[in-house]
Amino acid sequence: MKKKSWEWEVKLVTESDPYIIHTDEDSALVAMENFEGAWGRNLSVYSLRKTAEIIRFDEAK
């Protein structure tokens, strides 16, 4: 069985280093909701970019 997750990069207007968000859905809306939940709503976001689709496979038993 495999499980997918996605990695997103959020850049702010005031900072050069991006924030990294992981989601279980391929959705920019979910990524931004997770970002707001972790760091708050009062930040000015410059960009949101999907950086990776991660596929994990369970080992055979």
PDB file of N, CA and C in Angstrom:
ATOM      1  N   MET A   1       0.841  -1.184   0.000  1.00  0.00           N
ATOM      2  CA  MET A   1       0.000   0.000   0.000  1.00  0.00           C
ATOM      3  C   MET A   1       0.883   1.243   0.000  1.00  0.00           C
ATOM      4  N   LYS A   2       0.426   2.278  -0.666  1.00  0.00           N
ATOM      5  CA  LYS A   2       1.210   3.504  -0.689  1.00  0.00           C
ATOM      6  C   LYS A   2       0.393   4.663  -0.133  1.00  0.00           C
ATOM      7  N   LYS A   3       1.100   5.635   0.401  1.00  0.00           N
ATOM      8  CA  LYS A   3       0.471   6.836   0.944  1.00  0.00           C
ATOM      9  C   LYS A   3       1.165   8.041   0.330  1.00  0.00           C
ATOM     10  N   LYS A   4       0.359   8.991  -0.131  1.00  0.00           N
ATOM     11  CA  LYS A   4       0.918  10.203  -0.732  1.00  0.00           C
ATOM     12  C   LYS A   4       0.781  11.380   0.223  1.00  0.00           C
ATOM     13  N   SER A   5       1.745  12.259   0.165  1.00  0.00           N
ATOM     14  CA  SER A   5       1.657  13.550   0.844  1.00  0.00           C
ATOM     15  C   SER A   5       2.351  14.572  -0.051  1.00  0.00           C
ATOM     16  N   TRP A   6       2.130  15.836   0.250  1.00  0.00           N
ATOM     17  CA  TRP A   6       2.685  16.905  -0.571  1.00  0.00           C
ATOM     18  C   TRP A   6       3.426  17.901   0.300  1.00  0.00           C
ATOM     19  N   GLU A   7       4.462  18.483  -0.275  1.00  0.00           N
ATOM     20  CA  GLU A   7       5.252  19.498   0.422  1.00  0.00           C
ATOM     21  C   GLU A   7       5.054  20.828  -0.299  1.00  0.00           C
ATOM     22  N   TRP A   8       4.818  21.877   0.485  1.00  0.00           N
ATOM     23  CA  TRP A   8       4.558  23.215  -0.044  1.00  0.00           C
ATOM     24  C   TRP A   8       5.543  24.190   0.558  1.00  0.00           C
ATOM     25  N   GLU A   9       5.926  25.176  -0.209  1.00  0.00           N
ATOM     26  CA  GLU A   9       6.831  26.231   0.238  1.00  0.00           C
ATOM     27  C   GLU A   9       6.051  27.543   0.271  1.00  0.00           C
ATOM     28  N   VAL A  10       6.018  28.169   1.443  1.00  0.00           N
ATOM     29  CA  VAL A  10       5.323  29.443   1.614  1.00  0.00           C
ATOM     30  C   VAL A  10       6.371  30.515   1.857  1.00  0.00           C
ATOM     31  N   LYS A  11       6.375  31.543   1.010  1.00  0.00           N
ATOM     32  CA  LYS A  11       7.292  32.673   1.199  1.00  0.00           C
ATOM     33  C   LYS A  11       6.497  33.889   1.635  1.00  0.00           C
ATOM     34  N   LEU A  12       7.051  34.603   2.602  1.00  0.00           N
ATOM     35  CA  LEU A  12       6.419  35.819   3.090  1.00  0.00           C
ATOM     36  C   LEU A  12       7.050  37.040   2.445  1.00  0.00           C
ATOM     37  N   VAL A  13       6.333  38.139   2.449  1.00  0.00           N
ATOM     38  CA  VAL A  13       6.827  39.394   1.896  1.00  0.00           C
ATOM     39  C   VAL A  13       8.028  39.886   2.696  1.00  0.00           C
ATOM     40  N   THR A  14       8.004  39.688   4.010  1.00  0.00           N
ATOM     41  CA  THR A  14       9.014  40.279   4.895  1.00  0.00           C
ATOM     42  C   THR A  14      10.201  39.379   5.197  1.00  0.00           C
ATOM     43  N   GLU A  15      10.185  38.114   4.766  1.00  0.00           N
ATOM     44  CA  GLU A  15      11.269  37.186   5.091  1.00  0.00           C
ATOM     45  C   GLU A  15      11.784  36.513   3.829  1.00  0.00           C
ATOM     46  N   SER A  16      13.069  36.176   3.822  1.00  0.00           N
ATOM     47  CA  SER A  16      13.636  35.528   2.640  1.00  0.00           C
ATOM     48  C   SER A  16      13.574  34.003   2.728  1.00  0.00           C
ATOM     49  N   ASP A  17      13.613  33.451   3.935  1.00  0.00           N
ATOM     50  CA  ASP A  17      13.568  31.997   4.089  1.00  0.00           C
ATOM     51  C   ASP A  17      12.119  31.510   4.047  1.00  0.00           C
ATOM     52  N   PRO A  18      11.848  30.449   3.284  1.00  0.00           N
ATOM     53  CA  PRO A  18      10.472  29.960   3.174  1.00  0.00           C
ATOM     54  C   PRO A  18      10.068  29.093   4.368  1.00  0.00           C
ATOM     55  N   TYR A  19       8.779  28.969   4.558  1.00  0.00           N
ATOM     56  CA  TYR A  19       8.201  28.020   5.501  1.00  0.00           C
ATOM     57  C   TYR A  19       7.813  26.785   4.699  1.00  0.00           C
ATOM     58  N   ILE A  20       7.971  25.603   5.281  1.00  0.00           N
ATOM     59  CA  ILE A  20       7.632  24.355   4.608  1.00  0.00           C
ATOM     60  C   ILE A  20       6.405  23.753   5.288  1.00  0.00           C
ATOM     61  N   ILE A  21       5.413  23.403   4.485  1.00  0.00           N
ATOM     62  CA  ILE A  21       4.167  22.823   4.967  1.00  0.00           C
ATOM     63  C   ILE A  21       3.992  21.458   4.307  1.00  0.00           C
ATOM     64  N   HIS A  22       3.540  20.459   5.065  1.00  0.00           N
ATOM     65  CA  HIS A  22       3.214  19.147   4.512  1.00  0.00           C
ATOM     66  C   HIS A  22       1.712  18.916   4.648  1.00  0.00           C
ATOM     67  N   THR A  23       1.100  18.377   3.589  1.00  0.00           N
ATOM     68  CA  THR A  23      -0.329  18.084   3.614  1.00  0.00           C
ATOM     69  C   THR A  23      -0.575  16.665   3.119  1.00  0.00           C
ATOM     70  N   ASP A  24      -1.736  16.123   3.499  1.00  0.00           N
ATOM     71  CA  ASP A  24      -2.158  14.813   3.004  1.00  0.00           C
ATOM     72  C   ASP A  24      -3.036  14.941   1.767  1.00  0.00           C
ATOM     73  N   GLU A  25      -3.331  16.175   1.366  1.00  0.00           N
ATOM     74  CA  GLU A  25      -4.144  16.435   0.177  1.00  0.00           C
ATOM     75  C   GLU A  25      -3.365  17.320  -0.791  1.00  0.00           C
ATOM     76  N   ASP A  26      -3.624  17.129  -2.073  1.00  0.00           N
ATOM     77  CA  ASP A  26      -2.994  17.951  -3.109  1.00  0.00           C
ATOM     78  C   ASP A  26      -3.834  19.208  -3.292  1.00  0.00           C
ATOM     79  N   SER A  27      -3.782  20.094  -2.295  1.00  0.00           N
ATOM     80  CA  SER A  27      -4.653  21.264  -2.292  1.00  0.00           C
ATOM     81  C   SER A  27      -3.913  22.471  -1.725  1.00  0.00           C
ATOM     82  N   ALA A  28      -3.852  23.527  -2.521  1.00  0.00           N
ATOM     83  CA  ALA A  28      -3.232  24.766  -2.050  1.00  0.00           C
ATOM     84  C   ALA A  28      -4.037  25.375  -0.909  1.00  0.00           C
ATOM     85  N   LEU A  29      -5.353  25.212  -0.945  1.00  0.00           N
ATOM     86  CA  LEU A  29      -6.202  25.738   0.123  1.00  0.00           C
ATOM     87  C   LEU A  29      -5.886  25.059   1.452  1.00  0.00           C
ATOM     88  N   VAL A  30      -5.739  23.749   1.443  1.00  0.00           N
ATOM     89  CA  VAL A  30      -5.390  23.016   2.665  1.00  0.00           C
ATOM     90  C   VAL A  30      -4.011  23.442   3.160  1.00  0.00           C
ATOM     91  N   ALA A  31      -3.077  23.646   2.242  1.00  0.00           N
ATOM     92  CA  ALA A  31      -1.736  24.093   2.633  1.00  0.00           C
ATOM     93  C   ALA A  31      -1.796  25.449   3.333  1.00  0.00           C
ATOM     94  N   MET A  32      -2.571  26.384   2.793  1.00  0.00           N
ATOM     95  CA  MET A  32      -2.676  27.708   3.415  1.00  0.00           C
ATOM     96  C   MET A  32      -3.422  27.652   4.741  1.00  0.00           C
ATOM     97  N   GLU A  33      -4.432  26.793   4.850  1.00  0.00           N
ATOM     98  CA  GLU A  33      -5.131  26.632   6.124  1.00  0.00           C
ATOM     99  C   GLU A  33      -4.183  26.079   7.183  1.00  0.00           C
ATOM    100  N   ASN A  34      -3.339  25.117   6.811  1.00  0.00           N
ATOM    101  CA  ASN A  34      -2.349  24.576   7.749  1.00  0.00           C
ATOM    102  C   ASN A  34      -1.338  25.646   8.149  1.00  0.00           C
ATOM    103  N   PHE A  35      -0.910  26.452   7.192  1.00  0.00           N
ATOM    104  CA  PHE A  35       0.035  27.531   7.478  1.00  0.00           C
ATOM    105  C   PHE A  35      -0.572  28.534   8.454  1.00  0.00           C
ATOM    106  N   GLU A  36      -1.800  28.954   8.194  1.00  0.00           N
ATOM    107  CA  GLU A  36      -2.467  29.909   9.088  1.00  0.00           C
ATOM    108  C   GLU A  36      -2.675  29.318  10.473  1.00  0.00           C
ATOM    109  N   GLY A  37      -2.985  28.037  10.546  1.00  0.00           N
ATOM    110  CA  GLY A  37      -3.166  27.383  11.838  1.00  0.00           C
ATOM    111  C   GLY A  37      -1.882  27.326  12.645  1.00  0.00           C
ATOM    112  N   ALA A  38      -0.762  27.187  11.962  1.00  0.00           N
ATOM    113  CA  ALA A  38       0.527  27.080  12.653  1.00  0.00           C
ATOM    114  C   ALA A  38       1.144  28.438  12.966  1.00  0.00           C
ATOM    115  N   TRP A  39       1.047  29.400  12.055  1.00  0.00           N
ATOM    116  CA  TRP A  39       1.769  30.672  12.214  1.00  0.00           C
ATOM    117  C   TRP A  39       0.873  31.907  12.290  1.00  0.00           C
ATOM    118  N   GLY A  40      -0.420  31.749  12.151  1.00  0.00           N
ATOM    119  CA  GLY A  40      -1.318  32.892  12.296  1.00  0.00           C
ATOM    120  C   GLY A  40      -1.785  33.462  10.970  1.00  0.00           C
ATOM    121  N   ARG A  41      -2.783  34.333  11.062  1.00  0.00           N
ATOM    122  CA  ARG A  41      -3.420  34.879   9.859  1.00  0.00           C
ATOM    123  C   ARG A  41      -2.895  36.249   9.470  1.00  0.00           C
ATOM    124  N   ASN A  42      -2.114  36.879  10.292  1.00  0.00           N
ATOM    125  CA  ASN A  42      -1.720  38.271  10.045  1.00  0.00           C
ATOM    126  C   ASN A  42      -0.380  38.401   9.330  1.00  0.00           C
ATOM    127  N   LEU A  43      -0.021  37.429   8.510  1.00  0.00           N
ATOM    128  CA  LEU A  43       1.240  37.466   7.772  1.00  0.00           C
ATOM    129  C   LEU A  43       0.948  37.689   6.288  1.00  0.00           C
ATOM    130  N   SER A  44       1.763  38.488   5.632  1.00  0.00           N
ATOM    131  CA  SER A  44       1.584  38.762   4.200  1.00  0.00           C
ATOM    132  C   SER A  44       2.339  37.718   3.385  1.00  0.00           C
ATOM    133  N   VAL A  45       1.598  36.860   2.707  1.00  0.00           N
ATOM    134  CA  VAL A  45       2.191  35.782   1.914  1.00  0.00           C
ATOM    135  C   VAL A  45       2.516  36.311   0.524  1.00  0.00           C
ATOM    136  N   TYR A  46       3.753  36.079   0.091  1.00  0.00           N
ATOM    137  CA  TYR A  46       4.204  36.489  -1.239  1.00  0.00           C
ATOM    138  C   TYR A  46       3.920  35.391  -2.262  1.00  0.00           C
ATOM    139  N   SER A  47       4.208  34.118  -1.875  1.00  0.00           N
ATOM    140  CA  SER A  47       3.985  33.031  -2.823  1.00  0.00           C
ATOM    141  C   SER A  47       3.765  31.712  -2.097  1.00  0.00           C
ATOM    142  N   LEU A  48       3.068  30.816  -2.786  1.00  0.00           N
ATOM    143  CA  LEU A  48       2.852  29.440  -2.345  1.00  0.00           C
ATOM    144  C   LEU A  48       3.222  28.557  -3.522  1.00  0.00           C
ATOM    145  N   ARG A  49       4.071  27.559  -3.262  1.00  0.00           N
ATOM    146  CA  ARG A  49       4.543  26.708  -4.363  1.00  0.00           C
ATOM    147  C   ARG A  49       4.593  25.264  -3.891  1.00  0.00           C
ATOM    148  N   LYS A  50       4.067  24.356  -4.711  1.00  0.00           N
ATOM    149  CA  LYS A  50       4.179  22.928  -4.414  1.00  0.00           C
ATOM    150  C   LYS A  50       5.575  22.487  -4.811  1.00  0.00           C
ATOM    151  N   THR A  51       6.316  21.915  -3.866  1.00  0.00           N
ATOM    152  CA  THR A  51       7.700  21.553  -4.148  1.00  0.00           C
ATOM    153  C   THR A  51       7.923  20.055  -4.291  1.00  0.00           C
ATOM    154  N   ALA A  52       6.997  19.225  -3.773  1.00  0.00           N
ATOM    155  CA  ALA A  52       7.228  17.785  -3.871  1.00  0.00           C
ATOM    156  C   ALA A  52       5.936  17.008  -3.679  1.00  0.00           C
ATOM    157  N   GLU A  53       5.843  15.880  -4.373  1.00  0.00           N
ATOM    158  CA  GLU A  53       4.829  14.872  -4.097  1.00  0.00           C
ATOM    159  C   GLU A  53       5.588  13.695  -3.509  1.00  0.00           C
ATOM    160  N   ILE A  54       5.243  13.310  -2.308  1.00  0.00           N
ATOM    161  CA  ILE A  54       5.980  12.278  -1.585  1.00  0.00           C
ATOM    162  C   ILE A  54       5.133  11.010  -1.561  1.00  0.00           C
ATOM    163  N   ILE A  55       5.700   9.910  -2.020  1.00  0.00           N
ATOM    164  CA  ILE A  55       4.994   8.631  -2.028  1.00  0.00           C
ATOM    165  C   ILE A  55       5.744   7.681  -1.103  1.00  0.00           C
ATOM    166  N   ARG A  56       5.014   7.158  -0.120  1.00  0.00           N
ATOM    167  CA  ARG A  56       5.605   6.208   0.829  1.00  0.00           C
ATOM    168  C   ARG A  56       4.939   4.847   0.617  1.00  0.00           C
ATOM    169  N   PHE A  57       5.754   3.819   0.525  1.00  0.00           N
ATOM    170  CA  PHE A  57       5.253   2.465   0.354  1.00  0.00           C
ATOM    171  C   PHE A  57       5.441   1.698   1.653  1.00  0.00           C
ATOM    172  N   ASP A  58       4.418   0.923   2.042  1.00  0.00           N
ATOM    173  CA  ASP A  58       4.558   0.029   3.191  1.00  0.00           C
ATOM    174  C   ASP A  58       5.389  -1.170   2.763  1.00  0.00           C
ATOM    175  N   GLU A  59       6.198  -1.669   3.689  1.00  0.00           N
ATOM    176  CA  GLU A  59       7.018  -2.836   3.384  1.00  0.00           C
ATOM    177  C   GLU A  59       6.148  -4.087   3.356  1.00  0.00           C
ATOM    178  N   ALA A  60       6.486  -5.003   2.471  1.00  0.00           N
ATOM    179  CA  ALA A  60       5.782  -6.281   2.415  1.00  0.00           C
ATOM    180  C   ALA A  60       6.132  -7.094   3.650  1.00  0.00           C
ATOM    181  N   LYS A  61       5.148  -7.800   4.162  1.00  0.00           N
ATOM    182  CA  LYS A  61       5.384  -8.594   5.383  1.00  0.00           C
ATOM    183  C   LYS A  61       5.432 -10.055   5.073  1.00  0.00           C
TER     184      LYS A  61
END
